[in-house]
Every structure is written in structure tokens, then in C-alpha cells.
Amino acid sequence: MAPAASIGTEFTAEQQRILSKVLWRIVPFLLLCYFVAYLDRVNVGVASLTMNQDLGISPSQFGWSAGLFFFGYFLAEIPSNLALQALGARKWIARILITWGIISAATAFVVGPVSFGAMRFLLGLGEAGFTPGVFLYFTYWFPARVRGTATAAFLLGIPIANIIGAPISSSLLTLDGIAGLHGWQWLLIIEGLPATLLGFVCLFTLTDRPEEAKWLTAEERSWLVQVLAAERQAIAARHSSTLKDAFTNWRVMVCAVVNFCAIIGSVGLGLWMPQIIKGLGFGIVAVGFIAAIPYVCGAVTMMLWARLSDRGGDRSWFVASALLFGALALVVCGYATSSALISILALCGAVIGIMCYQSTFWPIPSSFLTGRAAAGGLAIIVSVGNLGGFVGPYLIGAIKQSTDSFSLALISVAAFLALAAILIRVVGISLQHQVGAADSRVSPAASLSKGT
């Protein structure tokens, strides 16, 4: 088995086999959980096609209430991630799954915008910590060079939730009247309960750390533990490792703003896409199938984009390019309201840009955070970023209500994506400069040559 010193170089075939074994053992289950999580987060977009009229919810009220999910998420994110680090991923992720499943199903019994908003807030509290917890969990198992691929595989839950979930959700609306319940109530109940079941499965599926993995041989465990320990030591020596560092590192705050701007586009577009497509003249069931098309495109592209970024180089270029592509597509969609075909193609482009952003962004903060700094820093980035999940739906809803069109709303969201692209390049440039400075200190000869 190759020594831990091989970190940062190409992995041997045997080492790649071990990492592949870890990926296939861990990621598929977490992908399934994220599929359910994202479905429970955005299925109200489809439910709104009939729920809003039944409950008398206006566009701005829907945007406000749906977005309250992210306030609850924001408040509980950091404590939840610290609890995961202290108690272990297996128990804590199980708790998260069980809690949000119950709350999501109970949302079926809201009676108006106030109770709907309250349940969305509670759903945010219940789900808080899942996504950053998984990103933290990946730092326990995957070296930095392969973390982009693992992250992209996990994030496939987003397009899968929309590819499979949108048609299913729209079809469930046809259950209207069965047992005296509306179709949107059946939708929320049926799609909420799987999370609770997965919570109990989680207790028997996840392993907290490589040291405890009985499904790896002793030699495999030893190599993986050594590689990850060496990586954590290198990050701690060069960057941040304490919880205080997470709150004082300016890159953490900039990454949080980047994620905030990106999620304005991601969640805003995800929640309103069914109504955008319906406005193009399609029926309710057709809306669900058409809404899946952009996410099919996004699923394929994000995996390819993540693999390209894992091959080396400055990841911030990949992130910025994806965001700018998504912004341009939203502008096209905003101006192409008279053409259903161009609008749908533009929506595909917007989703591709946003999905490629998500698959390449998260390895960046974990490249300069480790230990409690990673637990706190990733939670900060996700929690602050997720406030964009409130701003996006509300912004689109408010502009739509005042202009009776989605055009200006989509163009406004595009501006946030463009700002995020600029800010992530600032982080990327600073990290490149820091690496260059560190290399110069290590090699006096290199430093001397630069001065000649």
C-alpha cells in the first residue's frame, strides 16, 4: 500500500479502488436522503398550483411563507453541525431525517398563509444541519482531490428530485377529493413520510469514521486514515482549524455571500419554475414533466463539470463560469417570454449553471477549513447562504405580483448570480496567492529566482 505521502499526487490504481469502494458505500444512501430532502423542500412549488387558490395565498404571501423554511434553517444550522461533530453523523443525521419527515407530512394540514409559513419555518429547523453535515462528513472520508466528485454525486439528489419528483408531484394533485383531502395534501403526506423511514435506516447504514469501518480491510483503513490525517494537518498548518477561525476568516464570510447569491437563483427558480412553465400555456400534469427536463440536463452536466474541476487547477474558475452561464440563461429567459421553446431552453441553461456551481463550489471552503473550523465554517456558509432561499422566492413573487410578469424577476436573479461569480474569483485569487507564498517560503531557491 502506498504511504500517506502520496497525498496531493495521482492516486495509484489500488488507492483509487479504495476510494471508489468508500464512495459506493457512503454516497448512494446519502444521495437518496438528499433526494427526499430536496423533494420535501421544493414540492410546495408544485403543490402551489392548486394549494394557493384553496387557501387564498397570494404570490407574495407564497414567496414569503415558503421562504421562511430558510430562516429556521439559518437559526439551527451551526448548532446542528457542531452536534453532528460531537455525537457522530450516524445518530445526528438519523435525527434530522425523522424530524423533517414528520413536519413535512404535517404541512398538509395548514389552513392559510400564517400556518403554512409556520410549518415551513419548523421544517427548516428540523432539516438544519443535513447538507453542511454531509459536507463535513465527506471531509472525514474523502481526500480533497476526489471530494468534488463525491460532492457532485451527492448533489445529484437535486436534479433527481426534480426529474422524478416533479412528474410524481403533479400527478399526485389528481388525487383531489380522496378521503376528503385535496390533491396537494396527499402530495405533502406521501412525499414527507419516506424521510422518517430513512432516518431509522440511517442508524444501521452510516459509519461515523474510517477507523470504525469494518467493511474496509485493516490495510485499507490504515491508508485512508493516514492520508486524511496528513491532509488535516496540512490544512491546519496553513489555514484554519479552530471554531474561532471559522468566525474570523474573511474567506468564510465571502463564501457565505457567494452561496447566498447562488441560492437566490437555485431555490427561487426551483420553487417558481412550475408556475413559470404553467404561464407558458401548459397544463398541470404537463408542467411536472416539462419541469424535469432542465434537471436532466443539469444532472449530466454537473458530473462532467465536477470531474473536470477535480483534475486540478483553480476551482474558482469553474464556479464563476457556471454562475455566469446561469445568469446569462436567466436573462434570455426573462426576455423570451413570447417563445415557449426558447424559454424552456433558457431554463435548461439556468439550471445547468446553478447545478455546476453547486458541484464545484463546496470543495473550495473545505480546502482551507478543517476540524471545528470546518464544522463551524461550513455551517456558516450554508446557513447564511440559505437565507437566499428566503430572498429568492419572495423577490420573484413580489416582482411577479407588481409587474404581472416573471421577466424582471428572472433578470434580477441573474444579477445575483453574476455578483457571486465575481466574489468567488476573489477567494480563488487569494488562495492561489497564499499557496504561492507558502511555496516560496519552503523553497528559498524558488524565491530567489522570482526576484531576479
Protein backbone atom coordinates (compact mmCIF):
# COMPACT_ATOMS: atom_id res chain seq x y z
CA MET A 1 0.00 0.00 0.00
CA ALA A 2 1.42 3.43 -0.89
CA PRO A 3 2.32 5.71 2.02
CA ALA A 4 0.34 8.74 3.10
CA ALA A 5 2.95 10.95 1.49
CA SER A 6 1.24 10.24 -1.83
CA ILE A 7 -1.43 12.80 -0.95
CA GLY A 8 -1.58 15.62 -3.47
CA THR A 9 -0.28 13.35 -6.25
CA GLU A 10 -2.12 10.99 -8.56
CA PHE A 11 -3.61 8.05 -6.68
CA THR A 12 -2.49 4.56 -7.66
CA ALA A 13 -4.97 2.07 -9.09
CA GLU A 14 -5.21 0.36 -5.69
CA GLN A 15 -5.84 3.65 -3.90
CA GLN A 16 -8.49 4.61 -6.45
CA ARG A 17 -10.14 1.25 -5.82
CA ILE A 18 -10.32 2.01 -2.08
CA LEU A 19 -11.76 5.46 -2.67
CA SER A 20 -14.29 4.04 -5.12
CA LYS A 21 -15.27 1.45 -2.52
CA VAL A 22 -15.82 4.22 0.04
CA LEU A 23 -17.83 6.30 -2.42
CA TRP A 24 -20.17 3.44 -3.34
CA ARG A 25 -20.63 2.51 0.32
CA ILE A 26 -21.47 6.02 1.57
CA VAL A 27 -22.75 8.29 -1.20
CA PRO A 28 -25.73 6.33 -2.64
CA PHE A 29 -27.56 6.29 0.70
CA LEU A 30 -26.86 9.98 1.34
CA LEU A 31 -27.92 10.73 -2.24
CA LEU A 32 -31.24 9.02 -1.53
CA CYS A 33 -31.64 11.07 1.65
CA TYR A 34 -30.86 14.29 -0.22
CA PHE A 35 -33.33 13.37 -2.94
CA VAL A 36 -36.03 13.09 -0.26
CA ALA A 37 -34.81 16.26 1.47
CA TYR A 38 -34.89 18.36 -1.66
CA LEU A 39 -38.22 16.90 -2.72
CA ASP A 40 -39.73 17.88 0.65
CA ARG A 41 -38.17 21.32 0.31
CA VAL A 42 -39.47 22.22 -3.15
CA ASN A 43 -42.62 20.11 -3.62
CA VAL A 44 -44.65 23.08 -2.39
CA GLY A 45 -43.81 24.64 -5.76
CA VAL A 46 -46.00 22.00 -7.43
CA ALA A 47 -48.49 22.00 -4.53
CA SER A 48 -48.93 25.75 -5.02
CA LEU A 49 -50.58 25.13 -8.39
CA THR A 50 -53.79 24.28 -6.50
CA MET A 51 -52.98 24.95 -2.83
CA ASN A 52 -52.66 28.71 -3.23
CA GLN A 53 -56.19 29.02 -4.59
CA ASP A 54 -57.64 26.64 -1.97
CA LEU A 55 -56.06 28.57 0.91
CA GLY A 56 -56.27 32.07 -0.58
CA ILE A 57 -52.49 32.58 -0.72
CA SER A 58 -51.26 35.42 -2.96
CA PRO A 59 -47.96 35.23 -4.94
CA SER A 60 -46.09 37.45 -2.45
CA GLN A 61 -47.54 35.54 0.52
CA PHE A 62 -46.47 32.24 -1.04
CA GLY A 63 -42.94 33.53 -1.66
CA TRP A 64 -42.69 34.86 1.90
CA SER A 65 -44.14 31.79 3.60
CA ALA A 66 -42.25 29.24 1.51
CA GLY A 67 -39.01 31.12 2.17
CA LEU A 68 -39.46 31.00 5.96
CA PHE A 69 -38.00 27.48 5.72
CA PHE A 70 -34.60 29.09 5.36
CA PHE A 71 -34.93 31.28 8.47
CA GLY A 72 -35.43 28.16 10.54
CA TYR A 73 -32.54 26.55 8.69
CA PHE A 74 -30.35 29.59 9.39
CA LEU A 75 -31.02 29.63 13.12
CA ALA A 76 -30.32 25.93 13.72
CA GLU A 77 -27.53 25.32 11.20
CA ILE A 78 -24.39 25.98 13.25
CA PRO A 79 -25.61 24.25 16.46
CA SER A 80 -26.72 21.28 14.37
CA ASN A 81 -23.36 20.90 12.64
CA LEU A 82 -21.48 21.11 15.94
CA ALA A 83 -23.83 18.48 17.36
CA LEU A 84 -23.06 16.21 14.41
CA GLN A 85 -19.34 16.55 15.08
CA ALA A 86 -19.85 15.79 18.77
CA LEU A 87 -22.43 12.98 18.55
CA GLY A 88 -21.47 11.41 15.22
CA ALA A 89 -23.05 11.58 11.78
CA ARG A 90 -25.00 8.33 12.08
CA LYS A 91 -27.15 9.37 15.07
CA TRP A 92 -27.49 13.03 14.17
CA ILE A 93 -28.41 12.60 10.50
CA ALA A 94 -30.97 9.99 11.60
CA ARG A 95 -32.49 12.54 13.99
CA ILE A 96 -32.65 15.14 11.22
CA LEU A 97 -34.38 12.76 8.80
CA ILE A 98 -37.01 11.63 11.29
CA THR A 99 -37.81 15.20 12.38
CA TRP A 100 -38.21 16.74 8.97
CA GLY A 101 -40.24 13.82 7.64
CA ILE A 102 -42.87 14.28 10.33
CA ILE A 103 -43.01 18.06 9.88
CA SER A 104 -43.17 17.85 6.08
CA ALA A 105 -46.13 15.46 6.18
CA ALA A 106 -47.88 17.62 8.81
CA THR A 107 -47.69 20.62 6.43
CA ALA A 108 -50.62 19.01 4.59
CA PHE A 109 -52.94 20.28 7.33
CA VAL A 110 -52.19 24.01 7.14
CA VAL A 111 -55.21 26.28 6.73
CA GLY A 112 -53.75 29.55 5.41
CA PRO A 113 -50.62 31.62 4.78
CA VAL A 114 -49.80 32.02 8.50
CA SER A 115 -49.93 28.32 9.37
CA PHE A 116 -48.18 27.48 6.09
CA GLY A 117 -45.36 29.88 6.97
CA ALA A 118 -45.10 28.44 10.50
CA MET A 119 -44.76 24.88 9.19
CA ARG A 120 -42.13 25.94 6.66
CA PHE A 121 -40.16 27.59 9.47
CA LEU A 122 -40.38 24.40 11.57
CA LEU A 123 -39.32 22.33 8.57
CA GLY A 124 -36.21 24.49 8.31
CA LEU A 125 -35.42 23.91 11.99
CA GLY A 126 -35.88 20.18 11.53
CA GLU A 127 -33.75 19.83 8.41
CA ALA A 128 -31.00 22.23 9.54
CA GLY A 129 -27.56 20.70 9.56
CA PHE A 130 -28.19 17.97 6.99
CA THR A 131 -26.43 19.48 3.97
CA PRO A 132 -23.44 21.05 5.79
CA GLY A 133 -23.31 17.94 7.96
CA VAL A 134 -22.86 15.79 4.86
CA PHE A 135 -20.18 18.14 3.51
CA LEU A 136 -18.39 17.88 6.87
CA TYR A 137 -18.85 14.11 6.84
CA PHE A 138 -17.17 13.95 3.42
CA THR A 139 -14.04 15.56 4.89
CA TYR A 140 -13.84 12.53 7.22
CA TRP A 141 -13.83 10.11 4.29
CA PHE A 142 -12.60 11.69 1.05
CA PRO A 143 -9.25 13.39 0.29
CA ALA A 144 -9.59 16.82 -1.31
CA ARG A 145 -8.68 15.60 -4.80
CA VAL A 146 -11.77 13.38 -5.05
CA ARG A 147 -14.15 15.40 -2.88
CA GLY A 148 -15.58 17.27 -5.87
CA THR A 149 -16.76 14.05 -7.49
CA ALA A 150 -18.25 12.78 -4.20
CA THR A 151 -20.00 16.13 -3.67
CA ALA A 152 -21.40 16.15 -7.20
CA ALA A 153 -22.68 12.58 -6.80
CA PHE A 154 -24.43 13.59 -3.56
CA LEU A 155 -25.91 16.70 -5.14
CA LEU A 156 -27.48 14.59 -7.86
CA GLY A 157 -30.33 14.44 -5.36
CA ILE A 158 -31.39 17.90 -6.58
CA PRO A 159 -31.93 17.09 -10.26
CA ILE A 160 -33.26 13.62 -9.45
CA ALA A 161 -35.81 15.17 -7.07
CA ASN A 162 -36.96 17.40 -9.90
CA ILE A 163 -36.70 14.79 -12.66
CA ILE A 164 -38.66 12.16 -10.75
CA GLY A 165 -40.39 14.32 -8.18
CA ALA A 166 -41.96 16.93 -10.45
CA PRO A 167 -43.97 14.46 -12.56
CA ILE A 168 -44.93 12.43 -9.47
CA SER A 169 -45.91 15.54 -7.54
CA SER A 170 -48.04 16.92 -10.34
CA SER A 171 -49.69 13.50 -10.75
CA LEU A 172 -50.48 13.34 -7.02
CA LEU A 173 -52.52 16.51 -7.41
CA THR A 174 -55.05 14.39 -9.30
CA LEU A 175 -55.89 12.56 -6.01
CA ASP A 176 -58.09 15.52 -5.12
CA GLY A 177 -61.15 14.50 -3.10
CA ILE A 178 -59.95 11.07 -1.94
CA ALA A 179 -60.71 10.60 1.78
CA GLY A 180 -61.87 14.23 1.84
CA LEU A 181 -58.37 15.59 1.21
CA HIS A 182 -57.13 17.88 -1.53
CA GLY A 183 -54.56 16.61 -4.03
CA TRP A 184 -51.86 18.91 -2.64
CA GLN A 185 -52.47 17.44 0.84
CA TRP A 186 -51.90 13.90 -0.46
CA LEU A 187 -48.77 15.16 -2.20
CA LEU A 188 -47.26 16.51 1.04
CA ILE A 189 -48.22 13.47 3.12
CA ILE A 190 -46.98 10.83 0.66
CA GLU A 191 -43.71 12.63 -0.04
CA GLY A 192 -43.00 13.51 3.60
CA LEU A 193 -43.09 10.07 5.24
CA PRO A 194 -40.08 8.48 3.42
CA ALA A 195 -37.69 10.80 5.28
CA THR A 196 -38.80 9.40 8.64
CA LEU A 197 -38.35 5.83 7.42
CA LEU A 198 -34.86 6.66 6.09
CA GLY A 199 -33.98 8.09 9.50
CA PHE A 200 -34.31 4.66 11.08
CA VAL A 201 -32.41 3.03 8.19
CA CYS A 202 -29.61 5.55 8.71
CA LEU A 203 -28.86 4.09 12.17
CA PHE A 204 -27.83 0.83 10.51
CA THR A 205 -26.20 2.23 7.37
CA LEU A 206 -23.72 5.03 8.08
CA THR A 207 -20.31 4.65 9.74
CA ASP A 208 -19.03 7.70 11.60
CA ARG A 209 -15.30 7.49 10.80
CA PRO A 210 -12.93 5.36 8.64
CA GLU A 211 -11.40 3.97 11.84
CA GLU A 212 -14.74 2.27 12.57
CA ALA A 213 -15.37 0.89 9.06
CA LYS A 214 -15.50 -2.88 9.37
CA TRP A 215 -16.32 -3.03 5.65
CA LEU A 216 -12.73 -1.90 4.91
CA THR A 217 -9.74 -4.17 5.48
CA ALA A 218 -7.20 -3.19 8.14
CA GLU A 219 -4.74 -2.14 5.43
CA GLU A 220 -7.37 -0.06 3.63
CA ARG A 221 -8.40 1.66 6.85
CA SER A 222 -4.78 2.40 7.73
CA TRP A 223 -4.03 4.02 4.38
CA LEU A 224 -7.20 6.13 4.34
CA VAL A 225 -6.77 7.29 7.95
CA GLN A 226 -3.14 8.29 7.26
CA VAL A 227 -3.98 10.20 4.10
CA LEU A 228 -6.83 12.13 5.71
CA ALA A 229 -4.81 12.87 8.86
CA ALA A 230 -1.94 14.24 6.77
CA GLU A 231 -4.37 16.41 4.83
CA ARG A 232 -5.97 17.79 8.01
CA GLN A 233 -2.55 18.61 9.44
CA ALA A 234 -1.54 20.43 6.26
CA ILE A 235 -4.74 22.50 6.24
CA ALA A 236 -4.43 23.31 9.96
CA ALA A 237 -0.83 24.46 9.48
CA ARG A 238 -1.67 26.72 6.55
CA HIS A 239 -5.26 27.78 7.24
CA SER A 240 -7.88 27.33 9.98
CA SER A 241 -8.72 24.57 12.47
CA THR A 242 -10.50 26.14 15.48
CA LEU A 243 -14.11 27.28 15.79
CA LYS A 244 -12.93 30.86 16.34
CA ASP A 245 -11.12 30.71 12.99
CA ALA A 246 -14.41 29.97 11.26
CA PHE A 247 -15.90 33.26 12.52
CA THR A 248 -12.83 35.39 11.77
CA ASN A 249 -11.76 34.03 8.38
CA TRP A 250 -12.86 36.55 5.76
CA ARG A 251 -12.96 33.86 3.09
CA VAL A 252 -15.71 32.08 5.05
CA MET A 253 -17.82 35.23 5.01
CA VAL A 254 -17.26 35.84 1.29
CA CYS A 255 -18.14 32.21 0.51
CA ALA A 256 -21.31 32.67 2.57
CA VAL A 257 -22.28 35.68 0.42
CA VAL A 258 -21.48 33.69 -2.74
CA ASN A 259 -23.75 30.89 -1.55
CA PHE A 260 -26.44 33.42 -0.58
CA CYS A 261 -26.48 34.88 -4.10
CA ALA A 262 -26.42 31.45 -5.77
CA ILE A 263 -29.26 30.08 -3.64
CA ILE A 264 -31.41 33.09 -4.55
CA GLY A 265 -31.24 31.64 -8.05
CA SER A 266 -31.37 27.96 -7.12
CA VAL A 267 -34.33 27.97 -4.73
CA GLY A 268 -36.12 30.92 -6.30
CA LEU A 269 -36.09 29.28 -9.70
CA GLY A 270 -36.88 25.83 -8.28
CA LEU A 271 -39.96 26.98 -6.37
CA TRP A 272 -41.35 29.18 -9.12
CA MET A 273 -40.46 27.07 -12.16
CA PRO A 274 -43.80 25.17 -12.17
CA GLN A 275 -45.69 28.46 -12.31
CA ILE A 276 -43.28 29.90 -14.91
CA ILE A 277 -43.89 26.88 -17.13
CA LYS A 278 -47.63 26.95 -16.48
CA GLY A 279 -47.60 30.58 -17.61
CA LEU A 280 -46.27 29.40 -20.98
CA GLY A 281 -49.63 27.70 -21.57
CA PHE A 282 -49.10 24.12 -20.34
CA GLY A 283 -51.49 22.02 -18.23
CA ILE A 284 -50.80 20.91 -14.65
CA VAL A 285 -49.61 17.37 -15.42
CA ALA A 286 -47.53 18.56 -18.39
CA VAL A 287 -45.87 21.15 -16.14
CA GLY A 288 -44.41 18.38 -13.96
CA PHE A 289 -42.85 16.56 -16.91
CA ILE A 290 -41.53 19.71 -18.58
CA ALA A 291 -40.03 20.93 -15.28
CA ALA A 292 -37.96 17.73 -15.19
CA ILE A 293 -36.18 18.49 -18.49
CA PRO A 294 -33.80 21.21 -17.17
CA TYR A 295 -32.74 18.94 -14.31
CA VAL A 296 -31.94 16.05 -16.66
CA CYS A 297 -29.57 18.42 -18.44
CA GLY A 298 -28.20 19.68 -15.13
CA ALA A 299 -27.58 16.19 -13.73
CA VAL A 300 -25.41 15.13 -16.67
CA THR A 301 -23.51 18.39 -16.94
CA MET A 302 -22.72 18.78 -13.22
CA MET A 303 -20.99 15.38 -13.05
CA LEU A 304 -18.83 16.19 -16.07
CA TRP A 305 -18.06 19.65 -14.69
CA ALA A 306 -17.08 18.23 -11.28
CA ARG A 307 -14.72 15.69 -12.85
CA LEU A 308 -13.04 18.43 -14.85
CA SER A 309 -12.57 20.51 -11.70
CA ASP A 310 -11.11 17.50 -9.84
CA ARG A 311 -8.32 17.22 -12.39
CA GLY A 312 -6.61 20.22 -10.89
CA GLY A 313 -6.30 23.94 -11.33
CA ASP A 314 -8.17 26.78 -9.70
CA ARG A 315 -11.71 25.58 -8.89
CA SER A 316 -12.96 29.14 -8.59
CA TRP A 317 -12.79 29.46 -12.39
CA PHE A 318 -15.16 26.52 -12.73
CA VAL A 319 -17.54 28.00 -10.16
CA ALA A 320 -17.51 31.51 -11.68
CA SER A 321 -18.01 30.22 -15.22
CA ALA A 322 -21.02 28.16 -14.15
CA LEU A 323 -22.60 31.12 -12.37
CA LEU A 324 -22.13 33.45 -15.34
CA PHE A 325 -23.62 30.86 -17.70
CA GLY A 326 -26.65 30.54 -15.41
CA ALA A 327 -27.01 34.33 -15.21
CA LEU A 328 -26.94 34.70 -18.99
CA ALA A 329 -29.58 31.97 -19.37
CA LEU A 330 -31.89 33.71 -16.89
CA VAL A 331 -31.57 36.98 -18.81
CA VAL A 332 -32.51 35.15 -22.04
CA CYS A 333 -35.46 33.54 -20.29
CA GLY A 334 -36.58 36.91 -18.99
CA TYR A 335 -36.64 38.41 -22.49
CA ALA A 336 -38.02 35.35 -24.33
CA THR A 337 -41.47 35.27 -22.75
CA SER A 338 -43.19 35.08 -26.15
CA SER A 339 -41.50 31.80 -27.11
CA ALA A 340 -42.16 28.68 -25.04
CA LEU A 341 -39.30 26.77 -26.71
CA ILE A 342 -36.67 29.46 -26.09
CA SER A 343 -37.93 29.93 -22.53
CA ILE A 344 -37.61 26.21 -21.74
CA LEU A 345 -34.14 26.05 -23.34
CA ALA A 346 -33.11 29.07 -21.27
CA LEU A 347 -34.45 27.41 -18.12
CA CYS A 348 -32.29 24.39 -19.00
CA GLY A 349 -29.27 26.67 -19.26
CA ALA A 350 -30.04 28.33 -15.93
CA VAL A 351 -30.36 25.00 -14.13
CA ILE A 352 -27.15 23.72 -15.75
CA GLY A 353 -25.26 26.78 -14.50
CA ILE A 354 -26.65 26.51 -10.98
CA MET A 355 -26.05 22.75 -10.74
CA CYS A 356 -22.46 23.09 -12.00
CA TYR A 357 -21.91 25.80 -9.39
CA GLN A 358 -23.09 23.51 -6.60
CA SER A 359 -20.92 20.58 -7.64
CA THR A 360 -17.71 22.64 -7.78
CA PHE A 361 -18.19 25.24 -5.03
CA TRP A 362 -18.17 23.09 -1.87
CA PRO A 363 -14.65 21.67 -2.19
CA ILE A 364 -13.32 25.25 -2.04
CA PRO A 365 -14.19 26.07 1.62
CA SER A 366 -13.13 22.57 2.75
CA SER A 367 -9.74 23.24 1.15
CA PHE A 368 -8.96 25.91 3.77
CA LEU A 369 -11.01 24.64 6.74
CA THR A 370 -10.53 21.58 8.94
CA GLY A 371 -11.55 20.35 12.41
CA ARG A 372 -14.00 22.56 14.31
CA ALA A 373 -13.30 25.35 11.82
CA ALA A 374 -14.75 23.10 9.11
CA ALA A 375 -17.78 22.24 11.25
CA GLY A 376 -18.47 25.89 12.05
CA GLY A 377 -17.33 27.37 8.75
CA LEU A 378 -19.37 25.07 6.52
CA ALA A 379 -22.40 25.67 8.73
CA ILE A 380 -21.93 29.45 8.44
CA ILE A 381 -21.64 29.26 4.67
CA VAL A 382 -24.74 27.08 4.36
CA SER A 383 -26.83 28.94 6.95
CA VAL A 384 -26.09 32.46 5.68
CA GLY A 385 -26.35 31.20 2.12
CA ASN A 386 -29.70 29.62 2.78
CA LEU A 387 -31.17 32.99 3.66
CA GLY A 388 -31.05 33.38 -0.10
CA GLY A 389 -33.66 30.63 -0.11
CA PHE A 390 -35.99 33.14 1.53
CA VAL A 391 -34.97 36.13 -0.56
CA GLY A 392 -35.21 34.29 -3.90
CA PRO A 393 -38.82 33.05 -3.67
CA TYR A 394 -40.01 36.29 -2.06
CA LEU A 395 -38.18 38.50 -4.57
CA ILE A 396 -39.60 36.63 -7.54
CA GLY A 397 -43.09 36.58 -6.00
CA ALA A 398 -43.08 40.29 -5.16
CA ILE A 399 -41.85 41.35 -8.61
CA LYS A 400 -44.28 38.98 -10.31
CA GLN A 401 -47.18 40.41 -8.31
CA SER A 402 -46.23 44.03 -9.04
CA THR A 403 -45.41 43.57 -12.75
CA ASP A 404 -47.67 40.60 -13.61
CA SER A 405 -44.64 39.03 -15.33
CA PHE A 406 -41.62 36.89 -14.46
CA SER A 407 -39.30 38.79 -16.82
CA LEU A 408 -37.89 41.41 -14.47
CA ALA A 409 -37.78 38.88 -11.63
CA LEU A 410 -35.55 36.50 -13.59
CA ILE A 411 -33.24 39.31 -14.70
CA SER A 412 -32.91 40.45 -11.08
CA VAL A 413 -31.93 36.94 -10.00
CA ALA A 414 -29.34 36.86 -12.80
CA ALA A 415 -27.65 39.91 -11.26
CA PHE A 416 -27.13 38.00 -8.00
CA LEU A 417 -25.50 35.11 -9.87
CA ALA A 418 -23.14 37.50 -11.62
CA LEU A 419 -22.14 39.06 -8.28
CA ALA A 420 -21.45 35.58 -6.88
CA ALA A 421 -19.16 34.85 -9.84
CA ILE A 422 -17.07 37.94 -9.09
CA LEU A 423 -16.80 37.18 -5.37
CA ILE A 424 -15.71 33.54 -5.79
CA ARG A 425 -12.88 34.69 -8.03
CA VAL A 426 -11.71 36.98 -5.22
CA VAL A 427 -11.49 33.94 -2.94
CA GLY A 428 -9.76 31.88 -5.61
CA ILE A 429 -7.14 34.54 -6.30
CA SER A 430 -6.37 34.93 -2.57
CA LEU A 431 -5.93 31.16 -2.13
CA GLN A 432 -3.61 30.97 -5.12
CA HIS A 433 -1.51 33.81 -3.71
CA GLN A 434 -1.33 32.09 -0.33
CA VAL A 435 -0.19 28.82 -1.88
CA GLY A 436 2.43 30.67 -3.89
CA ALA A 437 3.71 32.48 -0.81
CA ALA A 438 3.90 29.21 1.14
CA ASP A 439 5.83 27.52 -1.68
CA SER A 440 8.27 30.41 -1.75
CA ARG A 441 8.94 30.05 1.98
CA VAL A 442 9.55 26.33 1.57
CA SER A 443 11.94 26.79 -1.36
CA PRO A 444 14.42 29.67 -0.88
CA ALA A 445 15.86 28.94 -4.33
CA ALA A 446 12.46 29.43 -5.91
CA SER A 447 12.03 32.69 -4.01
CA LEU A 448 15.43 33.91 -5.18
CA SER A 449 14.67 33.06 -8.79
CA LYS A 450 11.47 35.10 -8.63
CA GLY A 451 13.40 38.14 -7.52
CA THR A 452 15.86 38.02 -10.38
